[in-house]
Amino acid sequence: MHTTFLAGGIASGKSTVARLLHERGAWLCDLDQVSREVLEANSPWYEGPNPVLEQIADEFGRDLLDPESGELDRLSLAMRAFASPEATERLEAIEMPAIKERLAAILTNSCCAATEPALTVVEVPLLDRIEDLLPLADDVLVVTAPLALRRERAQGRGMDAADFDRRVLHQPSDDYLRAHATHVIDNTGDEATLARAVAEWWHEVMGGSDAAD
């Protein structure tokens, strides 16, 4: 199984590249989804109460947990955790070890699909946060686009420009992404151009026909 970490800044086109690779037969692992599962009250990964939730409640307030279901009020947590860089760092210090552990289990135990896919693509929102897991990847595919174009795309999807700028500040720079990339796809054109670039990457890295063929 070939494993690719797929990274890119907000509105760079990373999700579109993931979809195009999935259409070719790749199995997708969304690290955002893994992070959500880490914070589930009745996580099958733990016996008894979820220790990650317990740490978050101790750090950010027990009122974040529903008294009956134990479920986390994610919106309230976000408001508290992203109120300052220091609070964000405290949250990451709690949840990132669990996210990394789960991702490593997915990739090393071949439990990412019922049958092993030819290619597993891990969508990575923040590559710098999991740099120590890069040895698990066969390569790192980075999608880039100029900041102004990304802002325009984000606004076209309904995102406020100020919100976009705040999110960018918390993401690794394009220079960082390029420095850690095995391959870079420039997404300044339309989707047809992007699809051709993905096809070129696929045949260079995977060779032969699509996995679904």
Protein backbone atom coordinates (compact mmCIF):
# COMPACT_ATOMS: atom_id res chain seq x y z
CA MET A 1 0.00 0.00 0.00
CA HIS A 2 1.34 3.40 -1.01
CA THR A 3 0.59 6.19 1.49
CA THR A 4 0.48 9.85 0.50
CA PHE A 5 0.08 12.78 2.85
CA LEU A 6 -1.90 15.47 1.01
CA ALA A 7 -1.38 19.00 2.31
CA GLY A 8 -2.24 22.54 1.31
CA GLY A 9 -3.45 25.80 2.74
CA ILE A 10 -7.08 26.75 3.08
CA ALA A 11 -8.84 27.09 -0.32
CA SER A 12 -5.78 25.77 -2.14
CA GLY A 13 -7.78 22.98 -3.79
CA LYS A 14 -6.61 20.15 -1.53
CA SER A 15 -10.10 18.69 -1.14
CA THR A 16 -10.62 18.72 -4.91
CA VAL A 17 -7.35 16.85 -5.40
CA ALA A 18 -8.46 14.33 -2.76
CA ARG A 19 -11.72 13.80 -4.64
CA LEU A 20 -9.91 13.34 -7.96
CA LEU A 21 -7.59 10.76 -6.39
CA HIS A 22 -10.55 8.98 -4.82
CA GLU A 23 -12.18 8.76 -8.25
CA ARG A 24 -9.03 6.97 -9.42
CA GLY A 25 -9.35 4.39 -6.65
CA ALA A 26 -7.53 5.92 -3.70
CA TRP A 27 -8.87 5.41 -0.18
CA LEU A 28 -9.17 8.70 1.72
CA CYS A 29 -8.39 9.32 5.35
CA ASP A 30 -9.47 12.78 6.49
CA LEU A 31 -7.45 13.87 9.49
CA ASP A 32 -10.21 16.33 10.42
CA GLN A 33 -12.58 13.37 10.76
CA VAL A 34 -10.03 11.49 12.85
CA SER A 35 -9.79 14.50 15.16
CA ARG A 36 -13.58 14.56 15.53
CA GLU A 37 -13.64 10.86 16.39
CA VAL A 38 -10.97 11.40 19.03
CA LEU A 39 -13.42 13.68 20.85
CA GLU A 40 -16.42 11.33 20.79
CA ALA A 41 -17.90 10.58 24.19
CA ASN A 42 -18.39 6.86 23.52
CA SER A 43 -15.20 6.23 21.59
CA PRO A 44 -14.56 2.53 21.00
CA TRP A 45 -10.84 3.16 21.43
CA TYR A 46 -11.08 3.51 25.19
CA GLU A 47 -12.49 1.45 28.01
CA GLY A 48 -14.57 3.74 30.18
CA PRO A 49 -14.63 7.56 29.88
CA ASN A 50 -12.72 9.16 27.02
CA PRO A 51 -9.52 10.47 28.66
CA VAL A 52 -9.09 13.16 26.00
CA LEU A 53 -12.51 14.61 26.84
CA GLU A 54 -11.68 14.47 30.53
CA GLN A 55 -8.49 16.45 29.98
CA ILE A 56 -10.31 19.02 27.85
CA ALA A 57 -13.01 19.41 30.49
CA ASP A 58 -10.40 19.88 33.22
CA GLU A 59 -8.58 22.46 31.13
CA PHE A 60 -11.44 24.41 29.54
CA GLY A 61 -14.45 23.75 31.79
CA ARG A 62 -16.57 20.81 32.89
CA ASP A 63 -19.66 22.57 31.52
CA LEU A 64 -18.44 21.68 28.01
CA LEU A 65 -19.65 18.11 28.56
CA ASP A 66 -23.34 17.27 28.41
CA PRO A 67 -24.29 15.96 31.89
CA GLU A 68 -26.35 13.10 30.43
CA SER A 69 -24.65 12.01 27.21
CA GLY A 70 -21.13 13.20 27.98
CA GLU A 71 -20.92 14.68 24.48
CA LEU A 72 -18.65 17.67 23.93
CA ASP A 73 -20.03 21.10 23.08
CA ARG A 74 -17.61 21.63 20.20
CA LEU A 75 -18.75 25.16 19.39
CA SER A 76 -18.18 26.38 22.93
CA LEU A 77 -14.82 24.63 23.03
CA ALA A 78 -13.79 26.36 19.81
CA MET A 79 -14.76 29.75 21.22
CA ARG A 80 -12.60 29.15 24.30
CA ALA A 81 -9.70 27.34 22.66
CA PHE A 82 -9.26 29.77 19.79
CA ALA A 83 -9.63 32.90 21.92
CA SER A 84 -5.84 33.17 22.13
CA PRO A 85 -2.75 31.44 20.71
CA GLU A 86 -1.95 30.15 24.20
CA ALA A 87 -5.36 28.50 24.55
CA THR A 88 -5.02 26.95 21.10
CA GLU A 89 -1.67 25.48 22.06
CA ARG A 90 -3.19 24.00 25.24
CA LEU A 91 -5.91 22.28 23.22
CA GLU A 92 -3.44 20.91 20.67
CA ALA A 93 -1.23 19.60 23.47
CA ILE A 94 -4.21 17.54 24.68
CA GLU A 95 -5.69 16.25 21.43
CA MET A 96 -2.72 15.92 19.05
CA PRO A 97 -1.12 12.91 20.77
CA ALA A 98 -4.42 11.01 20.49
CA ILE A 99 -4.87 12.05 16.84
CA LYS A 100 -1.34 10.92 15.99
CA GLU A 101 -1.83 7.62 17.79
CA ARG A 102 -5.05 6.94 15.91
CA LEU A 103 -3.55 7.86 12.53
CA ALA A 104 -0.53 5.64 13.14
CA ALA A 105 -2.87 2.76 14.00
CA ILE A 106 -4.87 3.30 10.82
CA LEU A 107 -1.80 3.26 8.61
CA THR A 108 0.27 0.55 10.27
CA ASN A 109 -2.48 -1.93 11.08
CA SER A 110 -3.93 -1.91 7.56
CA CYS A 111 -7.35 -1.10 9.00
CA CYS A 112 -7.96 1.80 6.62
CA ALA A 113 -10.25 -0.28 4.41
CA ALA A 114 -11.81 -3.71 4.16
CA THR A 115 -9.19 -4.56 1.53
CA GLU A 116 -5.84 -2.84 1.23
CA PRO A 117 -6.06 -0.07 -1.38
CA ALA A 118 -3.26 0.60 -3.84
CA LEU A 119 -3.12 4.16 -2.50
CA THR A 120 -4.15 5.69 0.80
CA VAL A 121 -4.38 9.48 0.85
CA VAL A 122 -4.31 11.24 4.20
CA GLU A 123 -5.73 14.76 4.01
CA VAL A 124 -3.58 16.78 6.40
CA PRO A 125 -4.87 20.25 7.37
CA LEU A 126 -1.75 21.19 9.37
CA LEU A 127 1.33 19.33 8.20
CA ASP A 128 3.61 20.95 10.76
CA ARG A 129 1.55 19.43 13.60
CA ILE A 130 2.27 15.87 12.47
CA GLU A 131 5.79 16.30 11.15
CA ASP A 132 6.98 13.43 13.35
CA LEU A 133 4.61 11.09 11.45
CA LEU A 134 6.11 11.86 8.04
CA PRO A 135 8.06 8.56 8.08
CA LEU A 136 4.67 6.82 7.75
CA ALA A 137 4.17 8.42 4.33
CA ASP A 138 5.75 7.30 1.08
CA ASP A 139 5.44 10.81 -0.24
CA VAL A 140 3.97 14.23 0.51
CA LEU A 141 1.81 15.89 -2.15
CA VAL A 142 1.28 19.62 -1.64
CA VAL A 143 -1.31 21.75 -3.45
CA THR A 144 -0.48 25.45 -3.73
CA ALA A 145 -2.11 28.62 -5.03
CA PRO A 146 -1.39 32.33 -4.50
CA LEU A 147 -2.80 33.75 -1.28
CA ALA A 148 -4.96 36.33 -3.07
CA LEU A 149 -6.53 33.64 -5.25
CA ARG A 150 -7.18 31.43 -2.24
CA ARG A 151 -8.85 34.35 -0.43
CA GLU A 152 -11.03 34.97 -3.48
CA ARG A 153 -12.03 31.31 -3.63
CA ALA A 154 -12.82 31.23 0.08
CA GLN A 155 -14.99 34.32 -0.20
CA GLY A 156 -16.76 32.72 -3.15
CA ARG A 157 -17.68 29.86 -0.81
CA GLY A 158 -19.13 32.33 1.70
CA MET A 159 -16.18 32.75 4.05
CA ASP A 160 -15.52 36.17 5.50
CA ALA A 161 -12.17 37.61 4.37
CA ALA A 162 -11.15 38.41 7.94
CA ASP A 163 -11.95 34.83 8.99
CA PHE A 164 -9.84 33.55 6.11
CA ASP A 165 -6.90 35.71 7.17
CA ARG A 166 -7.17 34.49 10.78
CA ARG A 167 -7.13 30.87 9.66
CA VAL A 168 -4.13 31.41 7.42
CA LEU A 169 -2.15 32.72 10.37
CA HIS A 170 -2.55 29.35 12.12
CA GLN A 171 -1.47 27.31 9.09
CA PRO A 172 2.05 26.42 7.92
CA SER A 173 3.44 28.71 5.24
CA ASP A 174 3.72 27.74 1.60
CA ASP A 175 7.50 27.79 2.02
CA TYR A 176 7.21 25.23 4.82
CA LEU A 177 4.90 23.03 2.75
CA ARG A 178 7.16 23.13 -0.31
CA ALA A 179 10.19 22.32 1.84
CA HIS A 180 8.49 19.13 3.05
CA ALA A 181 6.88 18.16 -0.26
CA THR A 182 7.84 15.30 -2.50
CA HIS A 183 5.62 16.71 -5.24
CA VAL A 184 3.88 20.08 -5.65
CA ILE A 185 0.77 20.75 -7.73
CA ASP A 186 0.16 24.38 -8.65
CA ASN A 187 -3.57 25.09 -8.66
CA THR A 188 -3.88 28.46 -10.32
CA GLY A 189 -6.03 27.27 -13.21
CA ASP A 190 -9.43 25.65 -13.60
CA GLU A 191 -10.46 22.19 -12.43
CA ALA A 192 -9.68 20.61 -15.81
CA THR A 193 -6.09 21.84 -15.52
CA LEU A 194 -5.94 20.55 -11.95
CA ALA A 195 -7.27 17.15 -13.05
CA ARG A 196 -4.52 16.87 -15.66
CA ALA A 197 -1.90 17.65 -13.01
CA VAL A 198 -3.37 14.99 -10.72
CA ALA A 199 -3.32 12.47 -13.58
CA GLU A 200 0.34 13.27 -14.24
CA TRP A 201 1.17 12.80 -10.57
CA TRP A 202 -0.75 9.51 -10.45
CA HIS A 203 1.06 8.01 -13.42
CA GLU A 204 4.44 9.23 -12.19
CA VAL A 205 3.99 7.88 -8.66
CA MET A 206 1.61 4.95 -9.07
CA GLY A 207 2.31 4.00 -12.68
CA GLY A 208 0.05 2.05 -14.98
CA SER A 209 -3.72 2.29 -14.88
CA ASP A 210 -6.02 3.61 -12.19
CA ALA A 211 -6.54 1.45 -9.11
CA ALA A 212 -10.20 1.01 -9.99
CA ASP A 213 -9.37 -0.39 -13.45
